[in-house]
């Protein structure tokens, strides 16, 4: 743990590897987590492997990724997995969210497939669920964040990533892709999961 407390600048910020190379995710988490922790990516630790995500649950995938980093690089780390659950589709795409339209993980294709599946459907209720798996000195902790909302009938907005242009969070009339990052972070599934991550780190 002591080695992980020194960031590249030599200060005492705690360094954690986020098991992703998605810069959008890193930016969101770093903005939420503040200066107390320095987030490094898979690229930063020299990991260029496509980490397996073969579990049948969102939590299982998050744990699988974090365990891979701990076992192969022995550094304190966390991983996340997110699922979009649509009521009218019996919870789909769920654990298959990123690959809904195929292995290419194409956001545009994913959104197009989802909008097509919901054509003419009145019940557009959905939720984003993010699970974060944290491993510190070999100890595993799992936390979850959820945001309720609805699926829009068409894409709107240029911010964010993934399904953001078609997801309208509860209490708002704009999609995640139309909201400023600061607003999205304050209400999003990932933001809520990261809040639990921060609280856990501060207590420990």
C-alpha atoms as a PDB file:
ATOM      1  CA  UNK A   1       0.000   0.000   0.000  1.00  0.00           C
ATOM      2  CA  UNK A   2       2.826   2.372   0.848  1.00  0.00           C
ATOM      3  CA  UNK A   3       4.201   2.272  -2.678  1.00  0.00           C
ATOM      4  CA  UNK A   4       0.801   3.152  -4.023  1.00  0.00           C
ATOM      5  CA  UNK A   5       0.659   6.348  -1.954  1.00  0.00           C
ATOM      6  CA  UNK A   6       3.271   8.126  -4.030  1.00  0.00           C
ATOM      7  CA  UNK A   7       2.044   9.664  -7.239  1.00  0.00           C
ATOM      8  CA  UNK A   8       4.263  10.663 -10.130  1.00  0.00           C
ATOM      9  CA  UNK A   9       4.833  14.091  -8.603  1.00  0.00           C
ATOM     10  CA  UNK A  10       6.151  12.568  -5.394  1.00  0.00           C
ATOM     11  CA  UNK A  11       3.277  13.807  -3.230  1.00  0.00           C
ATOM     12  CA  UNK A  12       1.224  11.747  -0.830  1.00  0.00           C
ATOM     13  CA  UNK A  13      -1.850  11.363  -3.004  1.00  0.00           C
ATOM     14  CA  UNK A  14      -3.109   7.801  -3.093  1.00  0.00           C
ATOM     15  CA  UNK A  15      -2.633   6.175  -6.483  1.00  0.00           C
ATOM     16  CA  UNK A  16      -5.257   3.763  -7.752  1.00  0.00           C
ATOM     17  CA  UNK A  17      -5.431   1.972 -11.065  1.00  0.00           C
ATOM     18  CA  UNK A  18      -8.815   2.267 -12.747  1.00  0.00           C
ATOM     19  CA  UNK A  19      -9.105  -0.872 -14.882  1.00  0.00           C
ATOM     20  CA  UNK A  20     -10.099   0.956 -18.053  1.00  0.00           C
ATOM     21  CA  UNK A  21      -8.652   2.888 -20.965  1.00  0.00           C
ATOM     22  CA  UNK A  22     -11.895   4.805 -21.500  1.00  0.00           C
ATOM     23  CA  UNK A  23     -10.716   8.411 -21.031  1.00  0.00           C
ATOM     24  CA  UNK A  24     -14.312   9.608 -20.620  1.00  0.00           C
ATOM     25  CA  UNK A  25     -14.775   7.327 -17.616  1.00  0.00           C
ATOM     26  CA  UNK A  26     -11.425   8.416 -16.169  1.00  0.00           C
ATOM     27  CA  UNK A  27     -12.326  12.101 -16.539  1.00  0.00           C
ATOM     28  CA  UNK A  28     -15.703  11.569 -14.881  1.00  0.00           C
ATOM     29  CA  UNK A  29     -14.229   9.694 -11.941  1.00  0.00           C
ATOM     30  CA  UNK A  30     -11.247  12.019 -11.485  1.00  0.00           C
ATOM     31  CA  UNK A  31     -13.567  15.041 -11.488  1.00  0.00           C
ATOM     32  CA  UNK A  32     -15.697  13.383  -8.833  1.00  0.00           C
ATOM     33  CA  UNK A  33     -12.896  11.985  -6.711  1.00  0.00           C
ATOM     34  CA  UNK A  34     -10.893  15.236  -6.537  1.00  0.00           C
ATOM     35  CA  UNK A  35      -7.223  15.667  -5.690  1.00  0.00           C
ATOM     36  CA  UNK A  36      -6.962  13.230  -2.805  1.00  0.00           C
ATOM     37  CA  UNK A  37      -6.433  10.321  -5.183  1.00  0.00           C
ATOM     38  CA  UNK A  38      -4.540  10.009  -8.446  1.00  0.00           C
ATOM     39  CA  UNK A  39      -6.241   7.759 -10.979  1.00  0.00           C
ATOM     40  CA  UNK A  40      -4.026   5.840 -13.402  1.00  0.00           C
ATOM     41  CA  UNK A  41      -5.236   3.759 -16.337  1.00  0.00           C
ATOM     42  CA  UNK A  42      -4.400   0.343 -17.715  1.00  0.00           C
ATOM     43  CA  UNK A  43      -2.095   2.032 -20.204  1.00  0.00           C
ATOM     44  CA  UNK A  44      -0.239   3.744 -17.358  1.00  0.00           C
ATOM     45  CA  UNK A  45       0.598   0.408 -15.733  1.00  0.00           C
ATOM     46  CA  UNK A  46       1.551  -1.224 -19.037  1.00  0.00           C
ATOM     47  CA  UNK A  47      -1.529  -3.413 -19.403  1.00  0.00           C
ATOM     48  CA  UNK A  48      -2.623  -3.773 -23.029  1.00  0.00           C
ATOM     49  CA  UNK A  49      -4.679  -6.932 -22.554  1.00  0.00           C
ATOM     50  CA  UNK A  50      -8.383  -7.032 -23.338  1.00  0.00           C
ATOM     51  CA  UNK A  51      -9.414  -8.121 -19.831  1.00  0.00           C
ATOM     52  CA  UNK A  52     -12.081 -10.843 -19.927  1.00  0.00           C
ATOM     53  CA  UNK A  53     -15.659  -9.889 -19.042  1.00  0.00           C
ATOM     54  CA  UNK A  54     -17.353 -13.264 -19.065  1.00  0.00           C
ATOM     55  CA  UNK A  55     -19.442 -13.125 -15.887  1.00  0.00           C
ATOM     56  CA  UNK A  56     -23.217 -13.304 -16.106  1.00  0.00           C
ATOM     57  CA  UNK A  57     -23.772 -10.285 -13.858  1.00  0.00           C
ATOM     58  CA  UNK A  58     -22.599  -6.670 -13.783  1.00  0.00           C
ATOM     59  CA  UNK A  59     -20.998  -7.169 -10.370  1.00  0.00           C
ATOM     60  CA  UNK A  60     -19.267 -10.308 -11.611  1.00  0.00           C
ATOM     61  CA  UNK A  61     -17.695  -8.451 -14.523  1.00  0.00           C
ATOM     62  CA  UNK A  62     -16.443  -5.636 -12.286  1.00  0.00           C
ATOM     63  CA  UNK A  63     -14.852  -8.125  -9.889  1.00  0.00           C
ATOM     64  CA  UNK A  64     -13.345 -10.115 -12.728  1.00  0.00           C
ATOM     65  CA  UNK A  65     -11.555  -7.054 -14.094  1.00  0.00           C
ATOM     66  CA  UNK A  66     -10.289  -5.865 -10.713  1.00  0.00           C
ATOM     67  CA  UNK A  67      -9.080  -9.334  -9.777  1.00  0.00           C
ATOM     68  CA  UNK A  68      -7.168  -9.596 -13.046  1.00  0.00           C
ATOM     69  CA  UNK A  69      -5.261  -6.372 -12.323  1.00  0.00           C
ATOM     70  CA  UNK A  70      -4.509  -7.356  -8.734  1.00  0.00           C
ATOM     71  CA  UNK A  71      -3.327 -10.843  -9.702  1.00  0.00           C
ATOM     72  CA  UNK A  72      -1.180  -9.770 -12.666  1.00  0.00           C
ATOM     73  CA  UNK A  73       0.095  -6.330 -11.581  1.00  0.00           C
ATOM     74  CA  UNK A  74      -0.361  -6.460  -7.808  1.00  0.00           C
ATOM     75  CA  UNK A  75      -1.445  -2.833  -7.575  1.00  0.00           C
ATOM     76  CA  UNK A  76      -4.384  -1.372  -5.707  1.00  0.00           C
ATOM     77  CA  UNK A  77      -7.156  -0.938  -8.211  1.00  0.00           C
ATOM     78  CA  UNK A  78     -10.830  -0.683  -8.967  1.00  0.00           C
ATOM     79  CA  UNK A  79     -12.964  -1.645 -11.921  1.00  0.00           C
ATOM     80  CA  UNK A  80     -16.490  -0.835 -12.913  1.00  0.00           C
ATOM     81  CA  UNK A  81     -19.162  -2.349 -15.057  1.00  0.00           C
ATOM     82  CA  UNK A  82     -22.357  -0.657 -16.096  1.00  0.00           C
ATOM     83  CA  UNK A  83     -25.617  -2.020 -17.353  1.00  0.00           C
ATOM     84  CA  UNK A  84     -28.625  -0.295 -18.874  1.00  0.00           C
ATOM     85  CA  UNK A  85     -31.802  -2.055 -17.797  1.00  0.00           C
ATOM     86  CA  UNK A  86     -34.945  -1.358 -19.827  1.00  0.00           C
ATOM     87  CA  UNK A  87     -38.218  -2.471 -18.255  1.00  0.00           C
ATOM     88  CA  UNK A  88     -40.007  -3.152 -21.553  1.00  0.00           C
ATOM     89  CA  UNK A  89     -37.133  -5.429 -22.591  1.00  0.00           C
ATOM     90  CA  UNK A  90     -37.168  -7.439 -19.346  1.00  0.00           C
ATOM     91  CA  UNK A  91     -33.996  -5.753 -18.122  1.00  0.00           C
ATOM     92  CA  UNK A  92     -32.052  -5.970 -21.375  1.00  0.00           C
ATOM     93  CA  UNK A  93     -29.458  -5.109 -22.490  1.00  0.00           C
ATOM     94  CA  UNK A  94     -28.223  -5.479 -18.883  1.00  0.00           C
ATOM     95  CA  UNK A  95     -24.887  -7.258 -18.620  1.00  0.00           C
ATOM     96  CA  UNK A  96     -24.626  -7.126 -22.433  1.00  0.00           C
ATOM     97  CA  UNK A  97     -24.965  -3.316 -22.558  1.00  0.00           C
ATOM     98  CA  UNK A  98     -21.582  -2.576 -24.165  1.00  0.00           C
ATOM     99  CA  UNK A  99     -21.965  -5.372 -26.736  1.00  0.00           C
ATOM    100  CA  UNK A 100     -25.703  -5.023 -27.340  1.00  0.00           C
ATOM    101  CA  UNK A 101     -25.265  -4.668 -31.105  1.00  0.00           C
ATOM    102  CA  UNK A 102     -22.155  -6.848 -31.383  1.00  0.00           C
ATOM    103  CA  UNK A 103     -18.588  -7.368 -30.226  1.00  0.00           C
ATOM    104  CA  UNK A 104     -17.449  -4.069 -31.767  1.00  0.00           C
ATOM    105  CA  UNK A 105     -18.938  -2.182 -28.799  1.00  0.00           C
ATOM    106  CA  UNK A 106     -20.226   0.488 -31.193  1.00  0.00           C
ATOM    107  CA  UNK A 107     -22.276   3.098 -29.259  1.00  0.00           C
ATOM    108  CA  UNK A 108     -24.105   4.267 -32.369  1.00  0.00           C
ATOM    109  CA  UNK A 109     -25.107   0.729 -33.301  1.00  0.00           C
ATOM    110  CA  UNK A 110     -26.137   0.005 -29.713  1.00  0.00           C
ATOM    111  CA  UNK A 111     -28.393   3.063 -29.557  1.00  0.00           C
ATOM    112  CA  UNK A 112     -29.895   2.350 -32.959  1.00  0.00           C
ATOM    113  CA  UNK A 113     -30.736  -1.214 -31.940  1.00  0.00           C
ATOM    114  CA  UNK A 114     -32.306  -0.074 -28.666  1.00  0.00           C
ATOM    115  CA  UNK A 115     -34.403   2.666 -30.275  1.00  0.00           C
ATOM    116  CA  UNK A 116     -35.579   0.156 -32.879  1.00  0.00           C
ATOM    117  CA  UNK A 117     -36.534  -2.342 -30.171  1.00  0.00           C
ATOM    118  CA  UNK A 118     -38.627   0.322 -28.405  1.00  0.00           C
ATOM    119  CA  UNK A 119     -40.418   1.681 -31.475  1.00  0.00           C
ATOM    120  CA  UNK A 120     -44.077   2.227 -30.615  1.00  0.00           C
ATOM    121  CA  UNK A 121     -43.511   1.279 -26.982  1.00  0.00           C
ATOM    122  CA  UNK A 122     -45.138   3.509 -24.353  1.00  0.00           C
ATOM    123  CA  UNK A 123     -43.206   2.111 -21.388  1.00  0.00           C
ATOM    124  CA  UNK A 124     -39.731   3.561 -21.771  1.00  0.00           C
ATOM    125  CA  UNK A 125     -38.672   3.319 -18.122  1.00  0.00           C
ATOM    126  CA  UNK A 126     -35.058   2.307 -17.613  1.00  0.00           C
ATOM    127  CA  UNK A 127     -32.145   2.598 -15.229  1.00  0.00           C
ATOM    128  CA  UNK A 128     -28.394   2.690 -15.361  1.00  0.00           C
ATOM    129  CA  UNK A 129     -26.637   0.506 -12.806  1.00  0.00           C
ATOM    130  CA  UNK A 130     -22.896   0.808 -12.094  1.00  0.00           C
ATOM    131  CA  UNK A 131     -20.988  -1.583  -9.872  1.00  0.00           C
ATOM    132  CA  UNK A 132     -17.481  -0.743  -8.681  1.00  0.00           C
ATOM    133  CA  UNK A 133     -15.176  -3.470  -7.399  1.00  0.00           C
ATOM    134  CA  UNK A 134     -12.272  -2.168  -5.317  1.00  0.00           C
ATOM    135  CA  UNK A 135      -9.209  -4.164  -4.278  1.00  0.00           C
ATOM    136  CA  UNK A 136      -6.869  -2.679  -1.671  1.00  0.00           C
ATOM    137  CA  UNK A 137      -4.060  -4.903  -0.456  1.00  0.00           C
ATOM    138  CA  UNK A 138      -6.017  -7.916  -1.661  1.00  0.00           C
ATOM    139  CA  UNK A 139      -9.250  -7.015   0.150  1.00  0.00           C
ATOM    140  CA  UNK A 140     -12.305  -6.814  -2.119  1.00  0.00           C
ATOM    141  CA  UNK A 141     -15.185  -4.356  -1.679  1.00  0.00           C
ATOM    142  CA  UNK A 142     -18.174  -3.966  -4.008  1.00  0.00           C
ATOM    143  CA  UNK A 143     -20.438  -0.898  -4.239  1.00  0.00           C
ATOM    144  CA  UNK A 144     -23.300   0.109  -6.514  1.00  0.00           C
ATOM    145  CA  UNK A 145     -24.908   3.248  -7.917  1.00  0.00           C
ATOM    146  CA  UNK A 146     -28.271   3.435  -9.719  1.00  0.00           C
ATOM    147  CA  UNK A 147     -30.103   6.205 -11.564  1.00  0.00           C
ATOM    148  CA  UNK A 148     -33.677   5.857 -12.802  1.00  0.00           C
ATOM    149  CA  UNK A 149     -34.866   7.428 -16.024  1.00  0.00           C
ATOM    150  CA  UNK A 150     -36.443   6.893 -19.429  1.00  0.00           C
ATOM    151  CA  UNK A 151     -35.256   6.156 -22.949  1.00  0.00           C
ATOM    152  CA  UNK A 152     -35.797   9.066 -25.356  1.00  0.00           C
ATOM    153  CA  UNK A 153     -37.380   8.488 -28.757  1.00  0.00           C
ATOM    154  CA  UNK A 154     -34.339   9.925 -30.546  1.00  0.00           C
ATOM    155  CA  UNK A 155     -30.749  10.918 -29.852  1.00  0.00           C
ATOM    156  CA  UNK A 156     -30.064  14.377 -28.455  1.00  0.00           C
ATOM    157  CA  UNK A 157     -26.898  16.065 -27.188  1.00  0.00           C
ATOM    158  CA  UNK A 158     -23.190  15.845 -27.935  1.00  0.00           C
ATOM    159  CA  UNK A 159     -21.650  15.351 -24.478  1.00  0.00           C
ATOM    160  CA  UNK A 160     -20.978  12.137 -22.596  1.00  0.00           C
ATOM    161  CA  UNK A 161     -20.568   8.717 -24.187  1.00  0.00           C
ATOM    162  CA  UNK A 162     -22.285   5.379 -24.654  1.00  0.00           C
ATOM    163  CA  UNK A 163     -26.064   5.597 -24.344  1.00  0.00           C
ATOM    164  CA  UNK A 164     -25.981   9.138 -22.907  1.00  0.00           C
ATOM    165  CA  UNK A 165     -27.721  10.734 -25.950  1.00  0.00           C
ATOM    166  CA  UNK A 166     -30.868   8.639 -25.400  1.00  0.00           C
ATOM    167  CA  UNK A 167     -31.094   8.396 -21.592  1.00  0.00           C
ATOM    168  CA  UNK A 168     -33.157  11.016 -19.737  1.00  0.00           C
ATOM    169  CA  UNK A 169     -32.506  10.871 -15.966  1.00  0.00           C
ATOM    170  CA  UNK A 170     -35.493  11.080 -13.629  1.00  0.00           C
ATOM    171  CA  UNK A 171     -36.396  14.675 -12.748  1.00  0.00           C
ATOM    172  CA  UNK A 172     -34.872  16.143 -15.914  1.00  0.00           C
ATOM    173  CA  UNK A 173     -36.121  16.834 -19.425  1.00  0.00           C
ATOM    174  CA  UNK A 174     -32.711  16.519 -21.072  1.00  0.00           C
ATOM    175  CA  UNK A 175     -30.541  13.529 -21.861  1.00  0.00           C
ATOM    176  CA  UNK A 176     -27.235  12.874 -20.120  1.00  0.00           C
ATOM    177  CA  UNK A 177     -25.570  14.041 -23.344  1.00  0.00           C
ATOM    178  CA  UNK A 178     -27.245  17.451 -23.027  1.00  0.00           C
ATOM    179  CA  UNK A 179     -26.308  18.020 -19.391  1.00  0.00           C
ATOM    180  CA  UNK A 180     -23.019  19.591 -18.208  1.00  0.00           C
ATOM    181  CA  UNK A 181     -20.520  17.079 -16.819  1.00  0.00           C
ATOM    182  CA  UNK A 182     -20.851  18.597 -13.352  1.00  0.00           C
ATOM    183  CA  UNK A 183     -24.599  17.966 -13.340  1.00  0.00           C
ATOM    184  CA  UNK A 184     -24.277  14.465 -14.760  1.00  0.00           C
ATOM    185  CA  UNK A 185     -21.637  13.566 -12.156  1.00  0.00           C
ATOM    186  CA  UNK A 186     -23.910  14.726  -9.348  1.00  0.00           C
ATOM    187  CA  UNK A 187     -26.781  12.426 -10.336  1.00  0.00           C
ATOM    188  CA  UNK A 188     -25.367   9.628 -12.479  1.00  0.00           C
ATOM    189  CA  UNK A 189     -25.093   5.965 -11.639  1.00  0.00           C
ATOM    190  CA  UNK A 190     -21.318   6.131 -11.882  1.00  0.00           C
ATOM    191  CA  UNK A 191     -21.229   9.325  -9.817  1.00  0.00           C
ATOM    192  CA  UNK A 192     -23.243   7.670  -7.066  1.00  0.00           C
ATOM    193  CA  UNK A 193     -21.051   4.567  -7.120  1.00  0.00           C
ATOM    194  CA  UNK A 194     -17.922   6.756  -7.010  1.00  0.00           C
ATOM    195  CA  UNK A 195     -19.326   8.635  -3.989  1.00  0.00           C
ATOM    196  CA  UNK A 196     -19.522   5.297  -2.179  1.00  0.00           C
ATOM    197  CA  UNK A 197     -15.978   4.529  -3.338  1.00  0.00           C
ATOM    198  CA  UNK A 198     -14.689   7.844  -1.961  1.00  0.00           C
ATOM    199  CA  UNK A 199     -16.493   7.360   1.350  1.00  0.00           C
ATOM    200  CA  UNK A 200     -15.022   3.903   1.692  1.00  0.00           C
ATOM    201  CA  UNK A 201     -11.490   5.098   0.905  1.00  0.00           C
ATOM    202  CA  UNK A 202     -11.747   7.988   3.346  1.00  0.00           C
ATOM    203  CA  UNK A 203     -12.964   5.728   6.150  1.00  0.00           C
ATOM    204  CA  UNK A 204     -10.172   3.245   5.519  1.00  0.00           C
END
